[in-house]
Amino acid sequence: MEENLQLALSRWKQLVQMERPDEDALGKAFKDLAFFVDRPIVADLLSRSVTHENAMIRRLGYQYKAENRK
């Protein structure tokens, strides 16, 4: 399980650093990370994505926040 989390985090970080990441790859990486949303590092990472310069990443961040309101 930890290996899967590390792979998901690594892939997400790689994609968000790209100037024009592939939208399908971003969506898949987001879903992979959302599986680990109970981990504070993942929840924080997804929450902070709403301030990213890429519109797709911001949209995914807002989607995460909407789906995980408490």
C-alpha atoms as a PDB file:
ATOM      1  CA  MET A   1       0.000   0.000   0.000  1.00  0.00           C
ATOM      2  CA  GLU A   2       2.755   2.496   0.886  1.00  0.00           C
ATOM      3  CA  GLU A   3       4.448   1.821  -2.433  1.00  0.00           C
ATOM      4  CA  ASN A   4       1.225   2.675  -4.261  1.00  0.00           C
ATOM      5  CA  LEU A   5       0.918   5.891  -2.287  1.00  0.00           C
ATOM      6  CA  GLN A   6       4.498   6.863  -3.112  1.00  0.00           C
ATOM      7  CA  LEU A   7       3.912   6.137  -6.803  1.00  0.00           C
ATOM      8  CA  ALA A   8       0.728   8.208  -6.806  1.00  0.00           C
ATOM      9  CA  LEU A   9       2.442  11.124  -5.069  1.00  0.00           C
ATOM     10  CA  SER A  10       5.408  10.956  -7.402  1.00  0.00           C
ATOM     11  CA  ARG A  11       3.227  10.901 -10.521  1.00  0.00           C
ATOM     12  CA  TRP A  12       1.077  13.813  -9.272  1.00  0.00           C
ATOM     13  CA  LYS A  13       4.122  15.925  -8.422  1.00  0.00           C
ATOM     14  CA  GLN A  14       5.631  15.200 -11.814  1.00  0.00           C
ATOM     15  CA  LEU A  15       2.454  16.199 -13.639  1.00  0.00           C
ATOM     16  CA  VAL A  16       1.832  19.422 -11.701  1.00  0.00           C
ATOM     17  CA  GLN A  17       5.346  20.608 -12.508  1.00  0.00           C
ATOM     18  CA  MET A  18       4.754  20.299 -16.255  1.00  0.00           C
ATOM     19  CA  GLU A  19       3.842  23.376 -18.225  1.00  0.00           C
ATOM     20  CA  ARG A  20       1.062  21.558 -20.092  1.00  0.00           C
ATOM     21  CA  PRO A  21       0.268  18.239 -18.444  1.00  0.00           C
ATOM     22  CA  ASP A  22      -1.994  15.778 -20.216  1.00  0.00           C
ATOM     23  CA  GLU A  23      -5.536  16.182 -18.869  1.00  0.00           C
ATOM     24  CA  ASP A  24      -6.271  12.451 -18.921  1.00  0.00           C
ATOM     25  CA  ALA A  25      -3.074  11.704 -17.017  1.00  0.00           C
ATOM     26  CA  LEU A  26      -3.957  14.415 -14.478  1.00  0.00           C
ATOM     27  CA  GLY A  27      -7.432  12.965 -14.000  1.00  0.00           C
ATOM     28  CA  LYS A  28      -6.026   9.477 -13.444  1.00  0.00           C
ATOM     29  CA  ALA A  29      -3.354  10.760 -11.055  1.00  0.00           C
ATOM     30  CA  PHE A  30      -6.032  12.673  -9.140  1.00  0.00           C
ATOM     31  CA  LYS A  31      -8.162   9.543  -8.802  1.00  0.00           C
ATOM     32  CA  ASP A  32      -5.132   7.550  -7.671  1.00  0.00           C
ATOM     33  CA  LEU A  33      -4.358  10.150  -5.003  1.00  0.00           C
ATOM     34  CA  ALA A  34      -7.987  10.460  -3.921  1.00  0.00           C
ATOM     35  CA  PHE A  35      -7.835   6.774  -2.921  1.00  0.00           C
ATOM     36  CA  PHE A  36      -5.371   7.848  -0.192  1.00  0.00           C
ATOM     37  CA  VAL A  37      -7.300  10.927   0.929  1.00  0.00           C
ATOM     38  CA  ASP A  38      -7.296   9.697   4.517  1.00  0.00           C
ATOM     39  CA  ARG A  39      -3.569  10.472   4.615  1.00  0.00           C
ATOM     40  CA  PRO A  40      -2.856  14.030   5.790  1.00  0.00           C
ATOM     41  CA  ILE A  41      -0.134  14.575   3.182  1.00  0.00           C
ATOM     42  CA  VAL A  42      -2.541  13.737   0.363  1.00  0.00           C
ATOM     43  CA  ALA A  43      -5.405  15.793   1.779  1.00  0.00           C
ATOM     44  CA  ASP A  44      -3.073  18.781   2.155  1.00  0.00           C
ATOM     45  CA  LEU A  45      -1.636  18.356  -1.337  1.00  0.00           C
ATOM     46  CA  LEU A  46      -5.070  18.186  -2.948  1.00  0.00           C
ATOM     47  CA  SER A  47      -6.374  21.100  -0.884  1.00  0.00           C
ATOM     48  CA  ARG A  48      -3.454  23.300  -1.914  1.00  0.00           C
ATOM     49  CA  SER A  49      -3.973  22.493  -5.586  1.00  0.00           C
ATOM     50  CA  VAL A  50      -6.771  25.103  -5.745  1.00  0.00           C
ATOM     51  CA  THR A  51      -4.065  27.777  -5.915  1.00  0.00           C
ATOM     52  CA  HIS A  52      -2.085  26.151  -8.737  1.00  0.00           C
ATOM     53  CA  GLU A  53      -1.506  28.162 -11.920  1.00  0.00           C
ATOM     54  CA  ASN A  54      -2.895  25.354 -14.123  1.00  0.00           C
ATOM     55  CA  ALA A  55      -6.686  25.598 -14.507  1.00  0.00           C
ATOM     56  CA  MET A  56      -7.163  21.815 -14.724  1.00  0.00           C
ATOM     57  CA  ILE A  57      -5.268  21.281 -11.472  1.00  0.00           C
ATOM     58  CA  ARG A  58      -7.290  24.030  -9.774  1.00  0.00           C
ATOM     59  CA  ARG A  59     -10.513  22.443 -11.011  1.00  0.00           C
ATOM     60  CA  LEU A  60      -9.444  19.062  -9.607  1.00  0.00           C
ATOM     61  CA  GLY A  61      -8.596  20.744  -6.304  1.00  0.00           C
ATOM     62  CA  TYR A  62     -12.031  22.329  -6.096  1.00  0.00           C
ATOM     63  CA  GLN A  63     -13.608  19.002  -7.039  1.00  0.00           C
ATOM     64  CA  TYR A  64     -11.704  17.353  -4.187  1.00  0.00           C
ATOM     65  CA  LYS A  65     -12.868  20.025  -1.733  1.00  0.00           C
ATOM     66  CA  ALA A  66     -16.490  19.712  -2.875  1.00  0.00           C
ATOM     67  CA  GLU A  67     -16.452  15.938  -2.520  1.00  0.00           C
ATOM     68  CA  ASN A  68     -14.795  15.984   0.904  1.00  0.00           C
ATOM     69  CA  ARG A  69     -16.693  18.658   2.810  1.00  0.00           C
ATOM     70  CA  LYS A  70     -17.197  17.811   6.438  1.00  0.00           C
END
